[in-house]
């Protein structure tokens, strides 16, 4: 763990300064604003990630539950149509 404590949760993760605002979302751990979506996004801010890596090891990762775009195509139900 670092010698300096993390800033208040009201301050964003530094990763937000290098990404689009559409890629910003709340950290899954502390709700701090972080680069959560898109390329390079993570569900945890750098402070929550370092705590997770300290507890679980540096190889800790997350598993995406999103379907590939090709698999998701055509899976939405149509509203207002009757079955044939």
PDB file of N, CA and C in Angstrom:
ATOM      1  N   UNK A   1       0.851  -1.170   0.000  1.00  0.00           N
ATOM      2  CA  UNK A   1       0.000   0.000   0.000  1.00  0.00           C
ATOM      3  C   UNK A   1       0.892   1.227   0.000  1.00  0.00           C
ATOM      4  N   UNK A   2       0.439   2.289  -0.652  1.00  0.00           N
ATOM      5  CA  UNK A   2       1.263   3.490  -0.745  1.00  0.00           C
ATOM      6  C   UNK A   2       1.328   4.215   0.591  1.00  0.00           C
ATOM      7  N   UNK A   3       2.353   5.050   0.745  1.00  0.00           N
ATOM      8  CA  UNK A   3       2.545   5.751   2.015  1.00  0.00           C
ATOM      9  C   UNK A   3       1.588   6.922   2.158  1.00  0.00           C
ATOM     10  N   UNK A   4       1.076   7.459   1.051  1.00  0.00           N
ATOM     11  CA  UNK A   4       0.126   8.563   1.133  1.00  0.00           C
ATOM     12  C   UNK A   4      -1.290   8.030   0.967  1.00  0.00           C
ATOM     13  N   UNK A   5      -2.221   8.527   1.763  1.00  0.00           N
ATOM     14  CA  UNK A   5      -3.600   8.049   1.635  1.00  0.00           C
ATOM     15  C   UNK A   5      -4.232   8.587   0.351  1.00  0.00           C
ATOM     16  N   UNK A   6      -5.233   7.889  -0.178  1.00  0.00           N
ATOM     17  CA  UNK A   6      -5.888   8.375  -1.388  1.00  0.00           C
ATOM     18  C   UNK A   6      -6.658   9.665  -1.098  1.00  0.00           C
ATOM     19  N   UNK A   7      -6.874  10.489  -2.118  1.00  0.00           N
ATOM     20  CA  UNK A   7      -7.659  11.703  -1.907  1.00  0.00           C
ATOM     21  C   UNK A   7      -9.119  11.351  -1.623  1.00  0.00           C
ATOM     22  N   UNK A   8      -9.908  12.340  -1.282  1.00  0.00           N
ATOM     23  CA  UNK A   8     -11.315  12.092  -0.962  1.00  0.00           C
ATOM     24  C   UNK A   8     -12.032  11.505  -2.175  1.00  0.00           C
ATOM     25  N   UNK A   9     -13.106  10.800  -1.929  1.00  0.00           N
ATOM     26  CA  UNK A   9     -13.863  10.156  -2.988  1.00  0.00           C
ATOM     27  C   UNK A   9     -14.449  11.196  -3.948  1.00  0.00           C
ATOM     28  N   UNK A  10     -14.600  12.410  -3.512  1.00  0.00           N
ATOM     29  CA  UNK A  10     -15.115  13.471  -4.366  1.00  0.00           C
ATOM     30  C   UNK A  10     -14.169  13.861  -5.482  1.00  0.00           C
ATOM     31  N   UNK A  11     -12.897  13.545  -5.338  1.00  0.00           N
ATOM     32  CA  UNK A  11     -11.914  13.856  -6.382  1.00  0.00           C
ATOM     33  C   UNK A  11     -11.843  12.691  -7.360  1.00  0.00           C
ATOM     34  N   UNK A  12     -11.817  12.979  -8.679  1.00  0.00           N
ATOM     35  CA  UNK A  12     -11.801  11.887  -9.657  1.00  0.00           C
ATOM     36  C   UNK A  12     -10.462  11.169  -9.715  1.00  0.00           C
ATOM     37  N   UNK A  13     -10.512   9.950 -10.233  1.00  0.00           N
ATOM     38  CA  UNK A  13      -9.302   9.190 -10.506  1.00  0.00           C
ATOM     39  C   UNK A  13      -8.549   9.899 -11.634  1.00  0.00           C
ATOM     40  N   UNK A  14      -7.222   9.968 -11.574  1.00  0.00           N
ATOM     41  CA  UNK A  14      -6.464  10.640 -12.640  1.00  0.00           C
ATOM     42  C   UNK A  14      -6.714  10.071 -14.037  1.00  0.00           C
ATOM     43  N   UNK A  15      -7.206   8.850 -14.138  1.00  0.00           N
ATOM     44  CA  UNK A  15      -7.478   8.265 -15.449  1.00  0.00           C
ATOM     45  C   UNK A  15      -8.560   9.033 -16.207  1.00  0.00           C
ATOM     46  N   UNK A  16      -9.403   9.769 -15.493  1.00  0.00           N
ATOM     47  CA  UNK A  16     -10.478  10.508 -16.159  1.00  0.00           C
ATOM     48  C   UNK A  16      -9.949  11.684 -16.968  1.00  0.00           C
ATOM     49  N   UNK A  17      -8.738  12.129 -16.700  1.00  0.00           N
ATOM     50  CA  UNK A  17      -8.196  13.282 -17.412  1.00  0.00           C
ATOM     51  C   UNK A  17      -7.722  12.922 -18.816  1.00  0.00           C
ATOM     52  N   UNK A  18      -7.592  11.633 -19.104  1.00  0.00           N
ATOM     53  CA  UNK A  18      -7.062  11.208 -20.409  1.00  0.00           C
ATOM     54  C   UNK A  18      -8.097  10.482 -21.258  1.00  0.00           C
ATOM     55  N   UNK A  19      -9.360  10.497 -20.869  1.00  0.00           N
ATOM     56  CA  UNK A  19     -10.369   9.787 -21.646  1.00  0.00           C
ATOM     57  C   UNK A  19     -11.564  10.693 -21.915  1.00  0.00           C
ATOM     58  N   UNK A  20     -12.401  10.247 -22.823  1.00  0.00           N
ATOM     59  CA  UNK A  20     -13.615  10.975 -23.164  1.00  0.00           C
ATOM     60  C   UNK A  20     -14.590  10.942 -21.987  1.00  0.00           C
ATOM     61  N   UNK A  21     -15.421  11.958 -21.874  1.00  0.00           N
ATOM     62  CA  UNK A  21     -16.401  11.979 -20.778  1.00  0.00           C
ATOM     63  C   UNK A  21     -17.421  10.847 -20.920  1.00  0.00           C
ATOM     64  N   UNK A  22     -17.609  10.330 -22.132  1.00  0.00           N
ATOM     65  CA  UNK A  22     -18.538   9.219 -22.319  1.00  0.00           C
ATOM     66  C   UNK A  22     -17.978   7.903 -21.771  1.00  0.00           C
ATOM     67  N   UNK A  23     -16.678   7.855 -21.476  1.00  0.00           N
ATOM     68  CA  UNK A  23     -16.044   6.649 -20.940  1.00  0.00           C
ATOM     69  C   UNK A  23     -15.889   6.706 -19.423  1.00  0.00           C
ATOM     70  N   UNK A  24     -16.441   7.731 -18.800  1.00  0.00           N
ATOM     71  CA  UNK A  24     -16.298   7.931 -17.353  1.00  0.00           C
ATOM     72  C   UNK A  24     -17.514   7.367 -16.630  1.00  0.00           C
ATOM     73  N   UNK A  25     -17.264   6.701 -15.504  1.00  0.00           N
ATOM     74  CA  UNK A  25     -18.341   6.154 -14.687  1.00  0.00           C
ATOM     75  C   UNK A  25     -17.857   5.968 -13.260  1.00  0.00           C
ATOM     76  N   UNK A  26     -18.732   5.531 -12.371  1.00  0.00           N
ATOM     77  CA  UNK A  26     -18.355   5.353 -10.967  1.00  0.00           C
ATOM     78  C   UNK A  26     -17.555   4.072 -10.731  1.00  0.00           C
ATOM     79  N   UNK A  27     -16.572   4.165  -9.855  1.00  0.00           N
ATOM     80  CA  UNK A  27     -15.799   2.996  -9.429  1.00  0.00           C
ATOM     81  C   UNK A  27     -16.763   2.021  -8.750  1.00  0.00           C
ATOM     82  N   UNK A  28     -16.597   0.747  -9.019  1.00  0.00           N
ATOM     83  CA  UNK A  28     -17.462  -0.266  -8.419  1.00  0.00           C
ATOM     84  C   UNK A  28     -17.207  -0.450  -6.927  1.00  0.00           C
ATOM     85  N   UNK A  29     -16.062   0.028  -6.465  1.00  0.00           N
ATOM     86  CA  UNK A  29     -15.741  -0.117  -5.050  1.00  0.00           C
ATOM     87  C   UNK A  29     -16.153   1.082  -4.209  1.00  0.00           C
ATOM     88  N   UNK A  30     -15.672   2.271  -4.613  1.00  0.00           N
ATOM     89  CA  UNK A  30     -15.871   3.460  -3.771  1.00  0.00           C
ATOM     90  C   UNK A  30     -16.751   4.523  -4.409  1.00  0.00           C
ATOM     91  N   UNK A  31     -17.173   4.318  -5.658  1.00  0.00           N
ATOM     92  CA  UNK A  31     -18.034   5.240  -6.403  1.00  0.00           C
ATOM     93  C   UNK A  31     -17.310   6.495  -6.878  1.00  0.00           C
ATOM     94  N   UNK A  32     -15.982   6.536  -6.782  1.00  0.00           N
ATOM     95  CA  UNK A  32     -15.192   7.657  -7.291  1.00  0.00           C
ATOM     96  C   UNK A  32     -15.303   7.664  -8.818  1.00  0.00           C
ATOM     97  N   UNK A  33     -15.314   8.839  -9.438  1.00  0.00           N
ATOM     98  CA  UNK A  33     -15.339   8.948 -10.890  1.00  0.00           C
ATOM     99  C   UNK A  33     -14.047   8.392 -11.451  1.00  0.00           C
ATOM    100  N   UNK A  34     -14.155   7.457 -12.418  1.00  0.00           N
ATOM    101  CA  UNK A  34     -12.990   6.798 -12.999  1.00  0.00           C
ATOM    102  C   UNK A  34     -13.234   6.470 -14.464  1.00  0.00           C
ATOM    103  N   UNK A  35     -12.180   6.119 -15.199  1.00  0.00           N
ATOM    104  CA  UNK A  35     -12.299   5.672 -16.591  1.00  0.00           C
ATOM    105  C   UNK A  35     -12.798   4.245 -16.547  1.00  0.00           C
ATOM    106  N   UNK A  36     -14.105   4.076 -16.730  1.00  0.00           N
ATOM    107  CA  UNK A  36     -14.736   2.781 -16.531  1.00  0.00           C
ATOM    108  C   UNK A  36     -15.085   2.063 -17.833  1.00  0.00           C
ATOM    109  N   UNK A  37     -15.421   2.798 -18.871  1.00  0.00           N
ATOM    110  CA  UNK A  37     -15.925   2.193 -20.103  1.00  0.00           C
ATOM    111  C   UNK A  37     -14.959   2.371 -21.261  1.00  0.00           C
ATOM    112  N   UNK A  38     -15.103   1.524 -22.283  1.00  0.00           N
ATOM    113  CA  UNK A  38     -14.297   1.642 -23.489  1.00  0.00           C
ATOM    114  C   UNK A  38     -12.904   1.048 -23.319  1.00  0.00           C
ATOM    115  N   UNK A  39     -12.061   1.295 -24.326  1.00  0.00           N
ATOM    116  CA  UNK A  39     -10.697   0.769 -24.304  1.00  0.00           C
ATOM    117  C   UNK A  39      -9.912   1.341 -23.133  1.00  0.00           C
ATOM    118  N   UNK A  40      -9.314   0.477 -22.345  1.00  0.00           N
ATOM    119  CA  UNK A  40      -8.520   0.905 -21.203  1.00  0.00           C
ATOM    120  C   UNK A  40      -9.309   1.144 -19.934  1.00  0.00           C
ATOM    121  N   UNK A  41     -10.612   1.024 -20.004  1.00  0.00           N
ATOM    122  CA  UNK A  41     -11.439   1.252 -18.823  1.00  0.00           C
ATOM    123  C   UNK A  41     -11.396   0.079 -17.861  1.00  0.00           C
ATOM    124  N   UNK A  42     -11.519   0.360 -16.589  1.00  0.00           N
ATOM    125  CA  UNK A  42     -11.533  -0.663 -15.544  1.00  0.00           C
ATOM    126  C   UNK A  42     -12.708  -0.411 -14.610  1.00  0.00           C
ATOM    127  N   UNK A  43     -13.261  -1.448 -13.981  1.00  0.00           N
ATOM    128  CA  UNK A  43     -14.380  -1.239 -13.060  1.00  0.00           C
ATOM    129  C   UNK A  43     -13.966  -0.597 -11.734  1.00  0.00           C
ATOM    130  N   UNK A  44     -12.657  -0.580 -11.432  1.00  0.00           N
ATOM    131  CA  UNK A  44     -12.174  -0.018 -10.171  1.00  0.00           C
ATOM    132  C   UNK A  44     -11.240   1.160 -10.426  1.00  0.00           C
ATOM    133  N   UNK A  45     -11.246   2.145  -9.523  1.00  0.00           N
ATOM    134  CA  UNK A  45     -10.282   3.237  -9.610  1.00  0.00           C
ATOM    135  C   UNK A  45      -8.902   2.695  -9.215  1.00  0.00           C
ATOM    136  N   UNK A  46      -7.874   3.490  -9.408  1.00  0.00           N
ATOM    137  CA  UNK A  46      -6.519   2.980  -9.134  1.00  0.00           C
ATOM    138  C   UNK A  46      -6.313   2.627  -7.663  1.00  0.00           C
ATOM    139  N   UNK A  47      -7.002   3.288  -6.763  1.00  0.00           N
ATOM    140  CA  UNK A  47      -6.824   2.992  -5.334  1.00  0.00           C
ATOM    141  C   UNK A  47      -7.538   1.706  -4.946  1.00  0.00           C
ATOM    142  N   UNK A  48      -8.766   1.501  -5.458  1.00  0.00           N
ATOM    143  CA  UNK A  48      -9.464   0.243  -5.167  1.00  0.00           C
ATOM    144  C   UNK A  48      -8.770  -0.929  -5.853  1.00  0.00           C
ATOM    145  N   UNK A  49      -8.226  -0.698  -7.062  1.00  0.00           N
ATOM    146  CA  UNK A  49      -7.506  -1.756  -7.769  1.00  0.00           C
ATOM    147  C   UNK A  49      -6.242  -2.144  -7.003  1.00  0.00           C
ATOM    148  N   UNK A  50      -5.540  -1.158  -6.452  1.00  0.00           N
ATOM    149  CA  UNK A  50      -4.323  -1.501  -5.700  1.00  0.00           C
ATOM    150  C   UNK A  50      -4.667  -2.282  -4.436  1.00  0.00           C
ATOM    151  N   UNK A  51      -5.800  -1.950  -3.789  1.00  0.00           N
ATOM    152  CA  UNK A  51      -6.241  -2.723  -2.629  1.00  0.00           C
ATOM    153  C   UNK A  51      -6.593  -4.155  -3.039  1.00  0.00           C
ATOM    154  N   UNK A  52      -7.270  -4.307  -4.184  1.00  0.00           N
ATOM    155  CA  UNK A  52      -7.636  -5.647  -4.667  1.00  0.00           C
ATOM    156  C   UNK A  52      -6.388  -6.449  -5.011  1.00  0.00           C
ATOM    157  N   UNK A  53      -5.410  -5.797  -5.650  1.00  0.00           N
ATOM    158  CA  UNK A  53      -4.180  -6.501  -5.993  1.00  0.00           C
ATOM    159  C   UNK A  53      -3.381  -6.862  -4.748  1.00  0.00           C
ATOM    160  N   UNK A  54      -3.443  -6.031  -3.732  1.00  0.00           N
ATOM    161  CA  UNK A  54      -2.751  -6.342  -2.486  1.00  0.00           C
ATOM    162  C   UNK A  54      -3.387  -7.566  -1.821  1.00  0.00           C
ATOM    163  N   UNK A  55      -4.713  -7.641  -1.900  1.00  0.00           N
ATOM    164  CA  UNK A  55      -5.419  -8.756  -1.266  1.00  0.00           C
ATOM    165  C   UNK A  55      -5.373 -10.038  -2.097  1.00  0.00           C
ATOM    166  N   UNK A  56      -5.412  -9.922  -3.421  1.00  0.00           N
ATOM    167  CA  UNK A  56      -5.552 -11.088  -4.286  1.00  0.00           C
ATOM    168  C   UNK A  56      -4.345 -11.376  -5.162  1.00  0.00           C
ATOM    169  N   UNK A  57      -3.375 -10.472  -5.195  1.00  0.00           N
ATOM    170  CA  UNK A  57      -2.198 -10.667  -6.045  1.00  0.00           C
ATOM    171  C   UNK A  57      -2.251  -9.751  -7.255  1.00  0.00           C
ATOM    172  N   UNK A  58      -1.114  -9.544  -7.872  1.00  0.00           N
ATOM    173  CA  UNK A  58      -1.038  -8.592  -8.973  1.00  0.00           C
ATOM    174  C   UNK A  58      -1.676  -9.105 -10.255  1.00  0.00           C
ATOM    175  N   UNK A  59      -2.039 -10.367 -10.309  1.00  0.00           N
ATOM    176  CA  UNK A  59      -2.680 -10.887 -11.513  1.00  0.00           C
ATOM    177  C   UNK A  59      -4.196 -10.759 -11.466  1.00  0.00           C
ATOM    178  N   UNK A  60      -4.738 -10.065 -10.462  1.00  0.00           N
ATOM    179  CA  UNK A  60      -6.187  -9.904 -10.355  1.00  0.00           C
ATOM    180  C   UNK A  60      -6.713  -9.188 -11.599  1.00  0.00           C
ATOM    181  N   UNK A  61      -7.798  -9.700 -12.134  1.00  0.00           N
ATOM    182  CA  UNK A  61      -8.448  -9.152 -13.318  1.00  0.00           C
ATOM    183  C   UNK A  61      -9.949  -9.247 -13.113  1.00  0.00           C
ATOM    184  N   UNK A  62     -10.686  -8.746 -14.051  1.00  0.00           N
ATOM    185  CA  UNK A  62     -12.119  -8.889 -14.013  1.00  0.00           C
ATOM    186  C   UNK A  62     -12.565  -9.615 -15.275  1.00  0.00           C
ATOM    187  N   UNK A  63     -13.733 -10.215 -15.221  1.00  0.00           N
ATOM    188  CA  UNK A  63     -14.263 -10.939 -16.367  1.00  0.00           C
ATOM    189  C   UNK A  63     -15.404 -10.146 -16.959  1.00  0.00           C
ATOM    190  N   UNK A  64     -15.336  -9.878 -18.256  1.00  0.00           N
ATOM    191  CA  UNK A  64     -16.409  -9.166 -18.933  1.00  0.00           C
ATOM    192  C   UNK A  64     -17.589 -10.103 -19.114  1.00  0.00           C
ATOM    193  N   UNK A  65     -18.789  -9.624 -18.833  1.00  0.00           N
ATOM    194  CA  UNK A  65     -19.995 -10.421 -19.025  1.00  0.00           C
ATOM    195  C   UNK A  65     -20.760  -9.967 -20.266  1.00  0.00           C
ATOM    196  N   UNK A  66     -20.179  -9.055 -21.029  1.00  0.00           N
ATOM    197  CA  UNK A  66     -20.837  -8.547 -22.233  1.00  0.00           C
ATOM    198  C   UNK A  66     -20.724  -9.556 -23.365  1.00  0.00           C
ATOM    199  N   UNK A  67     -21.784  -9.645 -24.152  1.00  0.00           N
ATOM    200  CA  UNK A  67     -21.774 -10.501 -25.328  1.00  0.00           C
ATOM    201  C   UNK A  67     -21.075  -9.771 -26.466  1.00  0.00           C
ATOM    202  N   UNK A  68     -20.396 -10.491 -27.329  1.00  0.00           N
ATOM    203  CA  UNK A  68     -19.840  -9.846 -28.516  1.00  0.00           C
ATOM    204  C   UNK A  68     -20.984  -9.282 -29.361  1.00  0.00           C
ATOM    205  N   UNK A  69     -20.734  -8.235 -30.108  1.00  0.00           N
ATOM    206  CA  UNK A  69     -21.770  -7.583 -30.901  1.00  0.00           C
ATOM    207  C   UNK A  69     -22.449  -8.563 -31.849  1.00  0.00           C
ATOM    208  N   UNK A  70     -21.708  -9.492 -32.419  1.00  0.00           N
ATOM    209  CA  UNK A  70     -22.293 -10.458 -33.349  1.00  0.00           C
ATOM    210  C   UNK A  70     -23.271 -11.401 -32.647  1.00  0.00           C
ATOM    211  N   UNK A  71     -23.013 -11.734 -31.393  1.00  0.00           N
ATOM    212  CA  UNK A  71     -23.899 -12.633 -30.657  1.00  0.00           C
ATOM    213  C   UNK A  71     -25.139 -11.911 -30.153  1.00  0.00           C
ATOM    214  N   UNK A  72     -25.026 -10.623 -29.891  1.00  0.00           N
ATOM    215  CA  UNK A  72     -26.148  -9.861 -29.343  1.00  0.00           C
ATOM    216  C   UNK A  72     -27.130  -9.438 -30.429  1.00  0.00           C
ATOM    217  N   UNK A  73     -26.721  -9.469 -31.693  1.00  0.00           N
ATOM    218  CA  UNK A  73     -27.573  -9.034 -32.793  1.00  0.00           C
ATOM    219  C   UNK A  73     -28.810  -9.920 -32.889  1.00  0.00           C
ATOM    220  N   UNK A  74     -29.959  -9.284 -32.927  1.00  0.00           N
ATOM    221  CA  UNK A  74     -31.198 -10.014 -33.114  1.00  0.00           C
ATOM    222  C   UNK A  74     -31.754 -10.656 -31.863  1.00  0.00           C
ATOM    223  N   UNK A  75     -31.213 -10.358 -30.700  1.00  0.00           N
ATOM    224  CA  UNK A  75     -31.709 -10.986 -29.477  1.00  0.00           C
ATOM    225  C   UNK A  75     -32.735 -10.128 -28.754  1.00  0.00           C
ATOM    226  N   UNK A  76     -32.954  -8.902 -29.226  1.00  0.00           N
ATOM    227  CA  UNK A  76     -33.909  -8.027 -28.557  1.00  0.00           C
ATOM    228  C   UNK A  76     -35.323  -8.396 -28.988  1.00  0.00           C
ATOM    229  N   UNK A  77     -36.232  -8.380 -28.039  1.00  0.00           N
ATOM    230  CA  UNK A  77     -37.628  -8.668 -28.340  1.00  0.00           C
ATOM    231  C   UNK A  77     -38.262  -7.464 -29.036  1.00  0.00           C
ATOM    232  N   UNK A  78     -39.128  -7.741 -29.942  1.00  0.00           N
ATOM    233  CA  UNK A  78     -39.830  -6.650 -30.621  1.00  0.00           C
ATOM    234  C   UNK A  78     -41.064  -6.312 -29.822  1.00  0.00           C
ATOM    235  N   UNK A  79     -41.292  -5.035 -29.640  1.00  0.00           N
ATOM    236  CA  UNK A  79     -42.431  -4.571 -28.853  1.00  0.00           C
ATOM    237  C   UNK A  79     -43.588  -4.292 -29.807  1.00  0.00           C
ATOM    238  N   UNK A  80     -44.781  -4.735 -29.443  1.00  0.00           N
ATOM    239  CA  UNK A  80     -45.974  -4.425 -30.214  1.00  0.00           C
ATOM    240  C   UNK A  80     -46.206  -5.324 -31.413  1.00  0.00           C
ATOM    241  N   UNK A  81     -45.543  -6.455 -31.481  1.00  0.00           N
ATOM    242  CA  UNK A  81     -45.788  -7.381 -32.590  1.00  0.00           C
ATOM    243  C   UNK A  81     -46.365  -8.671 -32.043  1.00  0.00           C
ATOM    244  N   UNK A  82     -47.167  -9.294 -32.869  1.00  0.00           N
ATOM    245  CA  UNK A  82     -47.765 -10.572 -32.467  1.00  0.00           C
ATOM    246  C   UNK A  82     -46.978 -11.707 -33.083  1.00  0.00           C
ATOM    247  N   UNK A  83     -46.910 -12.831 -32.381  1.00  0.00           N
ATOM    248  CA  UNK A  83     -46.244 -13.980 -32.985  1.00  0.00           C
ATOM    249  C   UNK A  83     -47.041 -14.461 -34.187  1.00  0.00           C
ATOM    250  N   UNK A  84     -46.348 -14.975 -35.164  1.00  0.00           N
ATOM    251  CA  UNK A  84     -46.996 -15.428 -36.409  1.00  0.00           C
ATOM    252  C   UNK A  84     -47.711 -16.732 -36.223  1.00  0.00           C
TER     253      UNK A  84
END
